[in-house]
PDB file of N, CA and C in Angstrom:
ATOM      1  N   UNK A   1    -169.146 131.378 -75.822  1.00  0.00           N
ATOM      2  CA  UNK A   1    -167.898 131.201 -75.146  1.00  0.00           C
ATOM      3  C   UNK A   1    -168.101 130.761 -73.702  1.00  0.00           C
ATOM      4  N   UNK A   2    -167.009 130.721 -73.022  1.00  0.00           N
ATOM      5  CA  UNK A   2    -167.039 130.345 -71.610  1.00  0.00           C
ATOM      6  C   UNK A   2    -167.476 131.548 -70.780  1.00  0.00           C
ATOM      7  N   UNK A   3    -168.028 131.270 -69.607  1.00  0.00           N
ATOM      8  CA  UNK A   3    -168.570 132.342 -68.768  1.00  0.00           C
ATOM      9  C   UNK A   3    -167.517 133.402 -68.450  1.00  0.00           C
ATOM     10  N   UNK A   4    -166.298 132.976 -68.152  1.00  0.00           N
ATOM     11  CA  UNK A   4    -165.260 133.937 -67.785  1.00  0.00           C
ATOM     12  C   UNK A   4    -164.773 134.766 -68.971  1.00  0.00           C
ATOM     13  N   UNK A   5    -165.192 134.407 -70.188  1.00  0.00           N
ATOM     14  CA  UNK A   5    -164.800 135.166 -71.376  1.00  0.00           C
ATOM     15  C   UNK A   5    -165.827 136.231 -71.754  1.00  0.00           C
ATOM     16  N   UNK A   6    -166.943 136.284 -71.044  1.00  0.00           N
ATOM     17  CA  UNK A   6    -168.035 137.171 -71.433  1.00  0.00           C
ATOM     18  C   UNK A   6    -167.644 138.641 -71.472  1.00  0.00           C
ATOM     19  N   UNK A   7    -166.722 139.071 -70.616  1.00  0.00           N
ATOM     20  CA  UNK A   7    -166.347 140.484 -70.569  1.00  0.00           C
ATOM     21  C   UNK A   7    -165.101 140.806 -71.391  1.00  0.00           C
ATOM     22  N   UNK A   8    -164.594 139.821 -72.104  1.00  0.00           N
ATOM     23  CA  UNK A   8    -163.432 140.040 -72.962  1.00  0.00           C
ATOM     24  C   UNK A   8    -163.935 140.361 -74.365  1.00  0.00           C
ATOM     25  N   UNK A   9    -163.317 141.358 -74.982  1.00  0.00           N
ATOM     26  CA  UNK A   9    -163.766 141.767 -76.317  1.00  0.00           C
ATOM     27  C   UNK A   9    -163.644 140.618 -77.305  1.00  0.00           C
ATOM     28  N   UNK A  10    -164.674 140.460 -78.122  1.00  0.00           N
ATOM     29  CA  UNK A  10    -164.734 139.364 -79.083  1.00  0.00           C
ATOM     30  C   UNK A  10    -163.605 139.445 -80.110  1.00  0.00           C
ATOM     31  N   UNK A  11    -163.280 140.642 -80.584  1.00  0.00           N
ATOM     32  CA  UNK A  11    -162.205 140.765 -81.571  1.00  0.00           C
ATOM     33  C   UNK A  11    -160.863 140.335 -80.983  1.00  0.00           C
ATOM     34  N   UNK A  12    -160.651 140.600 -79.702  1.00  0.00           N
ATOM     35  CA  UNK A  12    -159.423 140.157 -79.041  1.00  0.00           C
ATOM     36  C   UNK A  12    -159.362 138.632 -78.995  1.00  0.00           C
ATOM     37  N   UNK A  13    -160.464 137.992 -78.605  1.00  0.00           N
ATOM     38  CA  UNK A  13    -160.497 136.532 -78.526  1.00  0.00           C
ATOM     39  C   UNK A  13    -160.301 135.890 -79.892  1.00  0.00           C
ATOM     40  N   UNK A  14    -160.875 136.482 -80.927  1.00  0.00           N
ATOM     41  CA  UNK A  14    -160.700 135.947 -82.281  1.00  0.00           C
ATOM     42  C   UNK A  14    -159.240 136.040 -82.718  1.00  0.00           C
ATOM     43  N   UNK A  15    -158.611 137.192 -82.473  1.00  0.00           N
ATOM     44  CA  UNK A  15    -157.196 137.359 -82.837  1.00  0.00           C
ATOM     45  C   UNK A  15    -156.317 136.392 -82.046  1.00  0.00           C
ATOM     46  N   UNK A  16    -156.604 136.271 -80.767  1.00  0.00           N
ATOM     47  CA  UNK A  16    -155.842 135.362 -79.918  1.00  0.00           C
ATOM     48  C   UNK A  16    -155.962 133.925 -80.419  1.00  0.00           C
ATOM     49  N   UNK A  17    -157.159 133.525 -80.770  1.00  0.00           N
ATOM     50  CA  UNK A  17    -157.382 132.177 -81.292  1.00  0.00           C
ATOM     51  C   UNK A  17    -156.655 131.975 -82.625  1.00  0.00           C
ATOM     52  N   UNK A  18    -156.700 132.977 -83.494  1.00  0.00           N
ATOM     53  CA  UNK A  18    -155.990 132.892 -84.777  1.00  0.00           C
ATOM     54  C   UNK A  18    -154.484 132.740 -84.566  1.00  0.00           C
ATOM     55  N   UNK A  19    -153.920 133.549 -83.660  1.00  0.00           N
ATOM     56  CA  UNK A  19    -152.482 133.464 -83.382  1.00  0.00           C
ATOM     57  C   UNK A  19    -152.121 132.098 -82.803  1.00  0.00           C
ATOM     58  N   UNK A  20    -152.958 131.609 -81.909  1.00  0.00           N
ATOM     59  CA  UNK A  20    -152.699 130.298 -81.307  1.00  0.00           C
ATOM     60  C   UNK A  20    -152.740 129.203 -82.375  1.00  0.00           C
ATOM     61  N   UNK A  21    -153.739 129.234 -83.237  1.00  0.00           N
ATOM     62  CA  UNK A  21    -153.846 128.218 -84.293  1.00  0.00           C
ATOM     63  C   UNK A  21    -152.647 128.258 -85.230  1.00  0.00           C
ATOM     64  N   UNK A  22    -152.176 129.452 -85.581  1.00  0.00           N
ATOM     65  CA  UNK A  22    -150.991 129.570 -86.439  1.00  0.00           C
ATOM     66  C   UNK A  22    -149.757 129.016 -85.733  1.00  0.00           C
ATOM     67  N   UNK A  23    -149.635 129.312 -84.447  1.00  0.00           N
ATOM     68  CA  UNK A  23    -148.493 128.825 -83.682  1.00  0.00           C
ATOM     69  C   UNK A  23    -148.511 127.300 -83.628  1.00  0.00           C
ATOM     70  N   UNK A  24    -149.652 126.729 -83.318  1.00  0.00           N
ATOM     71  CA  UNK A  24    -149.763 125.276 -83.162  1.00  0.00           C
ATOM     72  C   UNK A  24    -149.514 124.563 -84.496  1.00  0.00           C
ATOM     73  N   UNK A  25    -149.939 125.158 -85.610  1.00  0.00           N
ATOM     74  CA  UNK A  25    -149.716 124.570 -86.934  1.00  0.00           C
ATOM     75  C   UNK A  25    -148.238 124.510 -87.284  1.00  0.00           C
ATOM     76  N   UNK A  26    -147.470 125.466 -86.778  1.00  0.00           N
ATOM     77  CA  UNK A  26    -146.054 125.561 -87.121  1.00  0.00           C
ATOM     78  C   UNK A  26    -145.124 125.033 -86.036  1.00  0.00           C
ATOM     79  N   UNK A  27    -145.659 124.490 -84.975  1.00  0.00           N
ATOM     80  CA  UNK A  27    -144.843 123.994 -83.869  1.00  0.00           C
ATOM     81  C   UNK A  27    -144.088 122.741 -84.299  1.00  0.00           C
ATOM     82  N   UNK A  28    -142.766 122.784 -84.196  1.00  0.00           N
ATOM     83  CA  UNK A  28    -141.933 121.652 -84.606  1.00  0.00           C
ATOM     84  C   UNK A  28    -140.847 121.342 -83.571  1.00  0.00           C
ATOM     85  N   UNK A  29    -140.968 121.905 -82.389  1.00  0.00           N
ATOM     86  CA  UNK A  29    -139.909 121.772 -81.391  1.00  0.00           C
ATOM     87  C   UNK A  29    -139.889 120.417 -80.693  1.00  0.00           C
ATOM     88  N   UNK A  30    -140.943 119.645 -80.833  1.00  0.00           N
ATOM     89  CA  UNK A  30    -141.010 118.341 -80.181  1.00  0.00           C
ATOM     90  C   UNK A  30    -142.407 117.775 -80.299  1.00  0.00           C
ATOM     91  N   UNK A  31    -142.653 116.675 -79.594  1.00  0.00           N
ATOM     92  CA  UNK A  31    -143.982 116.069 -79.644  1.00  0.00           C
ATOM     93  C   UNK A  31    -145.047 117.051 -79.157  1.00  0.00           C
ATOM     94  N   UNK A  32    -146.205 116.929 -79.732  1.00  0.00           N
ATOM     95  CA  UNK A  32    -147.295 117.842 -79.399  1.00  0.00           C
ATOM     96  C   UNK A  32    -148.544 117.024 -79.104  1.00  0.00           C
ATOM     97  N   UNK A  33    -149.154 117.302 -77.985  1.00  0.00           N
ATOM     98  CA  UNK A  33    -150.397 116.638 -77.605  1.00  0.00           C
ATOM     99  C   UNK A  33    -151.455 117.713 -77.414  1.00  0.00           C
ATOM    100  N   UNK A  34    -152.491 117.670 -78.232  1.00  0.00           N
ATOM    101  CA  UNK A  34    -153.575 118.645 -78.149  1.00  0.00           C
ATOM    102  C   UNK A  34    -154.783 117.957 -77.536  1.00  0.00           C
ATOM    103  N   UNK A  35    -155.320 118.556 -76.491  1.00  0.00           N
ATOM    104  CA  UNK A  35    -156.497 118.015 -75.816  1.00  0.00           C
ATOM    105  C   UNK A  35    -157.622 119.022 -75.959  1.00  0.00           C
ATOM    106  N   UNK A  36    -158.683 118.609 -76.611  1.00  0.00           N
ATOM    107  CA  UNK A  36    -159.846 119.473 -76.822  1.00  0.00           C
ATOM    108  C   UNK A  36    -160.674 119.491 -75.543  1.00  0.00           C
ATOM    109  N   UNK A  37    -160.539 120.564 -74.777  1.00  0.00           N
ATOM    110  CA  UNK A  37    -161.238 120.634 -73.493  1.00  0.00           C
ATOM    111  C   UNK A  37    -162.726 120.906 -73.650  1.00  0.00           C
ATOM    112  N   UNK A  38    -163.155 121.267 -74.850  1.00  0.00           N
ATOM    113  CA  UNK A  38    -164.590 121.422 -75.081  1.00  0.00           C
ATOM    114  C   UNK A  38    -165.256 120.060 -75.261  1.00  0.00           C
ATOM    115  N   UNK A  39    -164.508 119.075 -75.736  1.00  0.00           N
ATOM    116  CA  UNK A  39    -165.053 117.728 -75.937  1.00  0.00           C
ATOM    117  C   UNK A  39    -164.752 116.810 -74.759  1.00  0.00           C
ATOM    118  N   UNK A  40    -163.734 117.137 -73.986  1.00  0.00           N
ATOM    119  CA  UNK A  40    -163.330 116.318 -72.845  1.00  0.00           C
ATOM    120  C   UNK A  40    -163.656 117.061 -71.561  1.00  0.00           C
ATOM    121  N   UNK A  41    -164.714 116.681 -70.925  1.00  0.00           N
ATOM    122  CA  UNK A  41    -165.160 117.343 -69.697  1.00  0.00           C
ATOM    123  C   UNK A  41    -164.534 116.651 -68.488  1.00  0.00           C
ATOM    124  N   UNK A  42    -163.202 116.686 -68.431  1.00  0.00           N
ATOM    125  CA  UNK A  42    -162.499 115.930 -67.409  1.00  0.00           C
ATOM    126  C   UNK A  42    -162.770 116.363 -65.970  1.00  0.00           C
ATOM    127  N   UNK A  43    -163.125 117.625 -65.687  1.00  0.00           N
ATOM    128  CA  UNK A  43    -163.453 117.928 -64.285  1.00  0.00           C
ATOM    129  C   UNK A  43    -164.703 117.186 -63.792  1.00  0.00           C
ATOM    130  N   UNK A  44    -165.642 116.931 -64.702  1.00  0.00           N
ATOM    131  CA  UNK A  44    -166.896 116.276 -64.309  1.00  0.00           C
ATOM    132  C   UNK A  44    -166.928 114.795 -64.672  1.00  0.00           C
ATOM    133  N   UNK A  45    -166.049 114.351 -65.552  1.00  0.00           N
ATOM    134  CA  UNK A  45    -166.150 113.002 -66.100  1.00  0.00           C
ATOM    135  C   UNK A  45    -164.831 112.248 -65.895  1.00  0.00           C
ATOM    136  N   UNK A  46    -164.856 111.274 -64.986  1.00  0.00           N
ATOM    137  CA  UNK A  46    -163.629 110.528 -64.678  1.00  0.00           C
ATOM    138  C   UNK A  46    -163.114 109.735 -65.870  1.00  0.00           C
ATOM    139  N   UNK A  47    -164.008 109.280 -66.741  1.00  0.00           N
ATOM    140  CA  UNK A  47    -163.575 108.541 -67.932  1.00  0.00           C
ATOM    141  C   UNK A  47    -162.764 109.445 -68.859  1.00  0.00           C
ATOM    142  N   UNK A  48    -163.228 110.681 -69.040  1.00  0.00           N
ATOM    143  CA  UNK A  48    -162.474 111.631 -69.865  1.00  0.00           C
ATOM    144  C   UNK A  48    -161.107 111.902 -69.236  1.00  0.00           C
ATOM    145  N   UNK A  49    -161.089 112.068 -67.917  1.00  0.00           N
ATOM    146  CA  UNK A  49    -159.821 112.310 -67.226  1.00  0.00           C
ATOM    147  C   UNK A  49    -158.875 111.131 -67.425  1.00  0.00           C
ATOM    148  N   UNK A  50    -159.399 109.918 -67.314  1.00  0.00           N
ATOM    149  CA  UNK A  50    -158.577 108.728 -67.531  1.00  0.00           C
ATOM    150  C   UNK A  50    -158.016 108.668 -68.940  1.00  0.00           C
ATOM    151  N   UNK A  51    -158.838 109.031 -69.929  1.00  0.00           N
ATOM    152  CA  UNK A  51    -158.373 109.053 -71.323  1.00  0.00           C
ATOM    153  C   UNK A  51    -157.235 110.054 -71.509  1.00  0.00           C
ATOM    154  N   UNK A  52    -157.383 111.225 -70.909  1.00  0.00           N
ATOM    155  CA  UNK A  52    -156.360 112.264 -71.031  1.00  0.00           C
ATOM    156  C   UNK A  52    -155.067 111.813 -70.354  1.00  0.00           C
ATOM    157  N   UNK A  53    -155.184 111.247 -69.170  1.00  0.00           N
ATOM    158  CA  UNK A  53    -153.996 110.762 -68.460  1.00  0.00           C
ATOM    159  C   UNK A  53    -153.299 109.671 -69.270  1.00  0.00           C
ATOM    160  N   UNK A  54    -154.060 108.786 -69.884  1.00  0.00           N
ATOM    161  CA  UNK A  54    -153.473 107.730 -70.723  1.00  0.00           C
ATOM    162  C   UNK A  54    -152.725 108.321 -71.909  1.00  0.00           C
ATOM    163  N   UNK A  55    -153.291 109.349 -72.531  1.00  0.00           N
ATOM    164  CA  UNK A  55    -152.620 109.999 -73.664  1.00  0.00           C
ATOM    165  C   UNK A  55    -151.319 110.659 -73.219  1.00  0.00           C
ATOM    166  N   UNK A  56    -151.359 111.319 -72.068  1.00  0.00           N
ATOM    167  CA  UNK A  56    -150.149 111.964 -71.545  1.00  0.00           C
ATOM    168  C   UNK A  56    -149.100 110.910 -71.210  1.00  0.00           C
ATOM    169  N   UNK A  57    -149.515 109.838 -70.530  1.00  0.00           N
ATOM    170  CA  UNK A  57    -148.584 108.750 -70.201  1.00  0.00           C
ATOM    171  C   UNK A  57    -147.936 108.176 -71.458  1.00  0.00           C
ATOM    172  N   UNK A  58    -148.726 107.975 -72.511  1.00  0.00           N
ATOM    173  CA  UNK A  58    -148.196 107.426 -73.760  1.00  0.00           C
ATOM    174  C   UNK A  58    -147.163 108.366 -74.370  1.00  0.00           C
ATOM    175  N   UNK A  59    -147.426 109.663 -74.319  1.00  0.00           N
ATOM    176  CA  UNK A  59    -146.463 110.632 -74.858  1.00  0.00           C
ATOM    177  C   UNK A  59    -145.177 110.627 -74.042  1.00  0.00           C
ATOM    178  N   UNK A  60    -145.314 110.602 -72.724  1.00  0.00           N
ATOM    179  CA  UNK A  60    -144.131 110.600 -71.859  1.00  0.00           C
ATOM    180  C   UNK A  60    -143.330 109.314 -72.060  1.00  0.00           C
ATOM    181  N   UNK A  61    -144.007 108.179 -72.129  1.00  0.00           N
ATOM    182  CA  UNK A  61    -143.329 106.898 -72.327  1.00  0.00           C
ATOM    183  C   UNK A  61    -142.538 106.904 -73.636  1.00  0.00           C
ATOM    184  N   UNK A  62    -143.091 107.528 -74.657  1.00  0.00           N
ATOM    185  CA  UNK A  62    -142.426 107.586 -75.952  1.00  0.00           C
ATOM    186  C   UNK A  62    -141.184 108.457 -75.967  1.00  0.00           C
ATOM    187  N   UNK A  63    -140.994 109.263 -74.940  1.00  0.00           N
ATOM    188  CA  UNK A  63    -139.823 110.137 -74.881  1.00  0.00           C
ATOM    189  C   UNK A  63    -138.573 109.409 -74.402  1.00  0.00           C
ATOM    190  N   UNK A  64    -138.757 108.272 -73.741  1.00  0.00           N
ATOM    191  CA  UNK A  64    -137.618 107.587 -73.113  1.00  0.00           C
ATOM    192  C   UNK A  64    -137.360 106.238 -73.716  1.00  0.00           C
TER     193      UNK A  64
END
């Protein structure tokens, strides 16, 4: 896990992740954009940041 998660109980993190995955699978309130922050290192990689911004812009543009 991430460094800041080291002191959080593993069973809590697993339950939290399960609840989040169930919520995201059933989300139907509007457009949904999921960004995998484990694969997109946008704080260190400007190309990843640009890709994310482009995806967000495309979603926003599609709303209007």
